[in-house]
PDB file of N, CA and C in Angstrom:
ATOM      1  N   MET A   1      26.366   0.505-117.715  1.00  0.00           N
ATOM      2  CA  MET A   1      25.823  -0.115-118.832  1.00  0.00           C
ATOM      3  C   MET A   1      25.134   1.486-119.480  1.00  0.00           C
ATOM      4  N   ASP A   2      25.200   2.472-119.337  1.00  0.00           N
ATOM      5  CA  ASP A   2      25.060   4.109-120.391  1.00  0.00           C
ATOM      6  C   ASP A   2      26.872   4.106-120.435  1.00  0.00           C
ATOM      7  N   ASN A   3      27.914   3.971-119.658  1.00  0.00           N
ATOM      8  CA  ASN A   3      28.825   4.017-120.259  1.00  0.00           C
ATOM      9  C   ASN A   3      29.506   3.732-120.638  1.00  0.00           C
ATOM     10  N   LYS A   4      28.936   1.972-120.764  1.00  0.00           N
ATOM     11  CA  LYS A   4      29.400   0.917-122.387  1.00  0.00           C
ATOM     12  C   LYS A   4      28.939   1.432-123.824  1.00  0.00           C
ATOM     13  N   ASN A   5      27.431   1.743-123.562  1.00  0.00           N
ATOM     14  CA  ASN A   5      26.688   2.121-124.586  1.00  0.00           C
ATOM     15  C   ASN A   5      27.592   3.516-125.235  1.00  0.00           C
ATOM     16  N   ASN A   6      27.863   4.252-123.994  1.00  0.00           N
ATOM     17  CA  ASN A   6      28.916   5.416-125.511  1.00  0.00           C
ATOM     18  C   ASN A   6      30.420   5.122-125.736  1.00  0.00           C
ATOM     19  N   PHE A   7      30.931   4.315-124.604  1.00  0.00           N
ATOM     20  CA  PHE A   7      31.975   3.578-125.456  1.00  0.00           C
ATOM     21  C   PHE A   7      32.108   3.004-126.807  1.00  0.00           C
ATOM     22  N   VAL A   8      30.708   2.615-127.000  1.00  0.00           N
ATOM     23  CA  VAL A   8      31.004   1.924-128.203  1.00  0.00           C
ATOM     24  C   VAL A   8      30.532   2.589-129.463  1.00  0.00           C
ATOM     25  N   SER A   9      29.378   3.711-129.275  1.00  0.00           N
ATOM     26  CA  SER A   9      29.310   4.412-129.988  1.00  0.00           C
ATOM     27  C   SER A   9      30.001   5.615-130.487  1.00  0.00           C
ATOM     28  N   ASN A  10      31.242   5.568-129.448  1.00  0.00           N
ATOM     29  CA  ASN A  10      32.654   6.510-129.696  1.00  0.00           C
ATOM     30  C   ASN A  10      34.136   5.984-130.870  1.00  0.00           C
ATOM     31  N   ASN A  11      33.983   4.594-130.382  1.00  0.00           N
ATOM     32  CA  ASN A  11      34.266   3.424-131.213  1.00  0.00           C
ATOM     33  C   ASN A  11      33.862   3.518-132.659  1.00  0.00           C
ATOM     34  N   ILE A  12      32.146   3.765-132.523  1.00  0.00           N
ATOM     35  CA  ILE A  12      31.687   3.065-134.330  1.00  0.00           C
ATOM     36  C   ILE A  12      32.355   4.495-134.739  1.00  0.00           C
ATOM     37  N   ILE A  13      31.956   6.031-134.309  1.00  0.00           N
ATOM     38  CA  ILE A  13      32.408   7.247-134.549  1.00  0.00           C
ATOM     39  C   ILE A  13      33.598   7.451-135.279  1.00  0.00           C
ATOM     40  N   ILE A  14      35.099   6.873-134.563  1.00  0.00           N
ATOM     41  CA  ILE A  14      36.285   7.028-134.623  1.00  0.00           C
ATOM     42  C   ILE A  14      36.570   5.833-136.215  1.00  0.00           C
ATOM     43  N   TYR A  15      35.667   4.409-136.164  1.00  0.00           N
ATOM     44  CA  TYR A  15      36.191   3.864-136.693  1.00  0.00           C
ATOM     45  C   TYR A  15      35.406   3.938-138.403  1.00  0.00           C
ATOM     46  N   ILE A  16      33.856   5.054-138.513  1.00  0.00           N
ATOM     47  CA  ILE A  16      33.855   5.855-139.574  1.00  0.00           C
ATOM     48  C   ILE A  16      34.722   7.097-139.884  1.00  0.00           C
ATOM     49  N   VAL A  17      35.147   7.649-139.352  1.00  0.00           N
ATOM     50  CA  VAL A  17      36.335   8.623-139.423  1.00  0.00           C
ATOM     51  C   VAL A  17      37.680   7.832-140.238  1.00  0.00           C
ATOM     52  N   LEU A  18      38.055   6.706-139.695  1.00  0.00           N
ATOM     53  CA  LEU A  18      38.845   6.353-140.270  1.00  0.00           C
ATOM     54  C   LEU A  18      38.927   6.109-141.501  1.00  0.00           C
ATOM     55  N   ILE A  19      37.795   5.633-141.850  1.00  0.00           N
ATOM     56  CA  ILE A  19      37.348   4.264-143.406  1.00  0.00           C
ATOM     57  C   ILE A  19      36.977   5.636-144.102  1.00  0.00           C
ATOM     58  N   ASP A  20      36.176   6.490-143.773  1.00  0.00           N
ATOM     59  CA  ASP A  20      36.681   8.069-144.903  1.00  0.00           C
ATOM     60  C   ASP A  20      37.555   8.789-144.960  1.00  0.00           C
ATOM     61  N   TYR A  21      38.603   8.352-143.803  1.00  0.00           N
ATOM     62  CA  TYR A  21      39.882   9.172-144.651  1.00  0.00           C
ATOM     63  C   TYR A  21      40.533   8.749-145.210  1.00  0.00           C
ATOM     64  N   ALA A  22      40.597   7.176-145.284  1.00  0.00           N
ATOM     65  CA  ALA A  22      41.150   6.059-145.314  1.00  0.00           C
ATOM     66  C   ALA A  22      40.630   6.394-147.462  1.00  0.00           C
ATOM     67  N   GLY A  23      39.203   6.348-147.432  1.00  0.00           N
ATOM     68  CA  GLY A  23      38.527   6.649-148.581  1.00  0.00           C
ATOM     69  C   GLY A  23      38.971   7.732-149.620  1.00  0.00           C
ATOM     70  N   GLY A  24      39.443   8.850-148.802  1.00  0.00           N
ATOM     71  CA  GLY A  24      39.249  10.116-149.523  1.00  0.00           C
ATOM     72  C   GLY A  24      41.288   9.715-149.740  1.00  0.00           C
ATOM     73  N   ILE A  25      41.941   9.241-148.871  1.00  0.00           N
ATOM     74  CA  ILE A  25      43.656   9.197-149.621  1.00  0.00           C
ATOM     75  C   ILE A  25      42.882   8.287-151.329  1.00  0.00           C
ATOM     76  N   TYR A  26      42.128   7.496-151.096  1.00  0.00           N
ATOM     77  CA  TYR A  26      42.545   5.953-151.581  1.00  0.00           C
ATOM     78  C   TYR A  26      41.703   6.954-152.997  1.00  0.00           C
ATOM     79  N   THR A  27      40.972   7.880-152.993  1.00  0.00           N
ATOM     80  CA  THR A  27      40.107   7.674-154.065  1.00  0.00           C
ATOM     81  C   THR A  27      41.382   9.833-154.297  1.00  0.00           C
ATOM     82  N   LEU A  28      42.113  10.348-153.869  1.00  0.00           N
ATOM     83  CA  LEU A  28      43.191  11.110-154.250  1.00  0.00           C
ATOM     84  C   LEU A  28      44.240  10.111-155.085  1.00  0.00           C
ATOM     85  N   CYS A  29      44.567   9.085-154.501  1.00  0.00           N
ATOM     86  CA  CYS A  29      45.581   8.161-155.240  1.00  0.00           C
ATOM     87  C   CYS A  29      44.967   7.832-156.805  1.00  0.00           C
ATOM     88  N   ASN A  30      43.657   7.574-156.694  1.00  0.00           N
ATOM     89  CA  ASN A  30      43.043   7.279-158.311  1.00  0.00           C
ATOM     90  C   ASN A  30      43.234   8.760-159.285  1.00  0.00           C
ATOM     91  N   LEU A  31      42.932   9.422-158.600  1.00  0.00           N
ATOM     92  CA  LEU A  31      42.852  10.972-159.294  1.00  0.00           C
ATOM     93  C   LEU A  31      44.486  11.111-159.744  1.00  0.00           C
ATOM     94  N   ILE A  32      45.746  11.070-159.114  1.00  0.00           N
ATOM     95  CA  ILE A  32      46.453  10.831-159.454  1.00  0.00           C
ATOM     96  C   ILE A  32      47.376  10.019-160.448  1.00  0.00           C
ATOM     97  N   ASP A  33      46.733   9.050-160.277  1.00  0.00           N
ATOM     98  CA  ASP A  33      46.965   7.682-161.179  1.00  0.00           C
ATOM     99  C   ASP A  33      46.385   8.261-162.507  1.00  0.00           C
ATOM    100  N   VAL A  34      44.732   8.856-162.402  1.00  0.00           N
ATOM    101  CA  VAL A  34      44.619   9.051-163.470  1.00  0.00           C
ATOM    102  C   VAL A  34      45.184  10.107-164.621  1.00  0.00           C
ATOM    103  N   ALA A  35      45.694  11.322-163.385  1.00  0.00           N
ATOM    104  CA  ALA A  35      46.299  12.810-163.878  1.00  0.00           C
ATOM    105  C   ALA A  35      47.496  11.938-164.570  1.00  0.00           C
ATOM    106  N   CYS A  36      48.196  11.264-164.542  1.00  0.00           N
ATOM    107  CA  CYS A  36      49.367  10.613-164.111  1.00  0.00           C
ATOM    108  C   CYS A  36      49.579  10.122-166.057  1.00  0.00           C
ATOM    109  N   SER A  37      47.765   9.025-165.754  1.00  0.00           N
ATOM    110  CA  SER A  37      48.089   8.444-167.153  1.00  0.00           C
ATOM    111  C   SER A  37      47.695   9.859-168.527  1.00  0.00           C
ATOM    112  N   VAL A  38      46.905  10.346-168.251  1.00  0.00           N
ATOM    113  CA  VAL A  38      46.720  11.287-168.895  1.00  0.00           C
ATOM    114  C   VAL A  38      47.432  11.999-169.129  1.00  0.00           C
ATOM    115  N   GLY A  39      48.946  12.266-168.230  1.00  0.00           N
ATOM    116  CA  GLY A  39      50.230  13.401-168.829  1.00  0.00           C
ATOM    117  C   GLY A  39      50.760  12.473-169.739  1.00  0.00           C
ATOM    118  N   GLU A  40      50.697  10.896-169.769  1.00  0.00           N
ATOM    119  CA  GLU A  40      51.704   9.844-170.459  1.00  0.00           C
ATOM    120  C   GLU A  40      50.788  10.161-172.189  1.00  0.00           C
TER     121      GLU A  40
END
């Protein structure tokens, strides 16, 4: 039972990290996009 709970919480942490990572890339792309628009 404890092992299962630990496994689930570890998966949630990985999931949050992946979303955070994807969000960071998305934000970076938006900043680059804005910079390119301003450059033109």
